[in-house]
Amino acid sequence: MQAATFSALGEPSRLQIVELLGLRPYAVGEIAEALGIRQPQVSKHLRVLSESGIVRAERRARRRIYHLQAEPFAEITRWAESFEALWDARLDALGDYLRTTEDEEHRP
């Protein structure tokens, strides 16, 4: 798992941009307008997101249209899924413990 991905997503404005781009591709000005952030700030955030591989820009005439990249999110999914067995085991152990406690409470 890339720390740069989490670092880039850890800033609230960048996370808002990513959530917006999850709906569809947007130009810088559209992102600024939709989120109420000044265009230079949006450009700065997009640069960080681009350098971390989360977004890519496509030139259309004089505009740059930003798209989300799938791979960083696939990496996050794989990373989170790596903990699935651990949590399954812990939840199973908790269930066993609760059943044991419940059985003890119902004994005379």
Protein backbone atom coordinates (compact mmCIF):
# COMPACT_ATOMS: atom_id res chain seq x y z
CA MET A 1 0.00 0.00 0.00
CA GLN A 2 1.35 3.37 -0.98
CA ALA A 3 1.61 5.89 1.87
CA ALA A 4 1.42 8.66 -0.75
CA THR A 5 -2.12 7.59 -1.63
CA PHE A 6 -3.31 7.83 1.96
CA SER A 7 -1.42 11.07 2.46
CA ALA A 8 -3.06 12.61 -0.59
CA LEU A 9 -6.51 11.44 0.45
CA GLY A 10 -5.99 12.56 4.05
CA GLU A 11 -6.51 16.24 3.27
CA PRO A 12 -10.24 17.13 3.42
CA SER A 13 -10.33 19.28 0.26
CA ARG A 14 -8.55 16.61 -1.77
CA LEU A 15 -10.95 14.00 -0.47
CA GLN A 16 -13.86 16.21 -1.55
CA ILE A 17 -12.31 16.53 -5.00
CA VAL A 18 -11.94 12.74 -5.27
CA GLU A 19 -15.54 12.24 -4.18
CA LEU A 20 -16.69 14.75 -6.80
CA LEU A 21 -14.60 13.09 -9.51
CA GLY A 22 -16.23 9.80 -8.52
CA LEU A 23 -19.40 11.15 -10.12
CA ARG A 24 -17.82 12.11 -13.46
CA PRO A 25 -14.76 13.85 -14.93
CA TYR A 26 -14.53 17.60 -14.25
CA ALA A 27 -12.47 20.56 -15.39
CA VAL A 28 -10.58 22.60 -12.79
CA GLY A 29 -13.05 25.49 -12.93
CA GLU A 30 -16.00 23.15 -12.48
CA ILE A 31 -14.38 21.60 -9.41
CA ALA A 32 -13.68 25.04 -7.93
CA GLU A 33 -17.26 26.13 -8.50
CA ALA A 34 -18.82 22.91 -7.20
CA LEU A 35 -16.76 22.90 -4.00
CA GLY A 36 -16.49 26.64 -3.40
CA ILE A 37 -12.69 26.55 -3.45
CA ARG A 38 -10.56 29.06 -5.35
CA GLN A 39 -9.15 27.74 -8.63
CA PRO A 40 -5.46 28.08 -7.61
CA GLN A 41 -6.15 25.95 -4.52
CA VAL A 42 -7.95 23.33 -6.63
CA SER A 43 -5.01 23.26 -9.04
CA LYS A 44 -2.60 22.73 -6.14
CA HIS A 45 -4.71 19.87 -4.77
CA LEU A 46 -5.03 18.31 -8.22
CA ARG A 47 -1.26 18.42 -8.62
CA VAL A 48 -0.85 16.40 -5.39
CA LEU A 49 -3.56 13.95 -6.48
CA SER A 50 -1.93 13.62 -9.89
CA GLU A 51 1.56 13.05 -8.47
CA SER A 52 0.19 10.29 -6.23
CA GLY A 53 -1.48 8.63 -9.23
CA ILE A 54 -5.05 9.16 -8.03
CA VAL A 55 -6.13 11.40 -10.91
CA ARG A 56 -5.02 12.03 -14.46
CA ALA A 57 -5.65 15.02 -16.69
CA GLU A 58 -6.85 14.90 -20.26
CA ARG A 59 -6.42 17.94 -22.50
CA ARG A 60 -9.53 19.03 -24.36
CA ALA A 61 -8.84 22.19 -26.30
CA ARG A 62 -7.74 24.72 -23.66
CA ARG A 63 -9.21 22.79 -20.74
CA ARG A 64 -7.81 20.02 -18.60
CA ILE A 65 -10.40 17.43 -17.63
CA TYR A 66 -9.57 15.37 -14.55
CA HIS A 67 -10.46 11.69 -14.17
CA LEU A 68 -9.98 9.27 -11.30
CA GLN A 69 -7.51 6.46 -11.83
CA ALA A 70 -8.73 3.01 -10.77
CA GLU A 71 -5.44 1.46 -9.62
CA PRO A 72 -4.91 3.39 -6.35
CA PHE A 73 -8.41 2.43 -5.26
CA ALA A 74 -7.82 -1.20 -6.23
CA GLU A 75 -4.69 -1.10 -4.06
CA ILE A 76 -6.69 0.28 -1.14
CA THR A 77 -9.25 -2.49 -1.62
CA ARG A 78 -6.56 -5.18 -1.67
CA TRP A 79 -4.94 -3.68 1.42
CA ALA A 80 -8.23 -3.54 3.35
CA GLU A 81 -9.14 -7.07 2.28
CA SER A 82 -5.83 -8.32 3.68
CA PHE A 83 -7.29 -7.68 7.13
CA GLU A 84 -10.50 -9.59 6.46
CA ALA A 85 -9.28 -12.92 7.88
CA LEU A 86 -7.98 -11.19 11.00
CA TRP A 87 -11.30 -9.48 11.64
CA ASP A 88 -13.29 -12.64 10.85
CA ALA A 89 -11.26 -14.52 13.47
CA ARG A 90 -11.68 -11.75 16.04
CA LEU A 91 -15.40 -11.46 15.44
CA ASP A 92 -15.78 -15.25 15.67
CA ALA A 93 -13.89 -15.22 18.98
CA LEU A 94 -16.11 -12.39 20.26
CA GLY A 95 -19.22 -14.36 19.27
CA ASP A 96 -17.92 -17.44 21.10
CA TYR A 97 -17.16 -15.35 24.19
CA LEU A 98 -20.62 -13.75 24.17
CA ARG A 99 -22.31 -17.16 23.81
CA THR A 100 -20.25 -18.49 26.73
CA THR A 101 -21.12 -15.49 28.87
CA GLU A 102 -24.79 -15.80 27.98
CA ASP A 103 -24.77 -19.53 28.84
CA GLU A 104 -23.17 -18.78 32.23
CA GLU A 105 -25.82 -16.18 33.01
CA HIS A 106 -28.61 -18.67 32.36
CA ARG A 107 -27.17 -21.42 34.58
CA PRO A 108 -28.74 -21.90 38.03
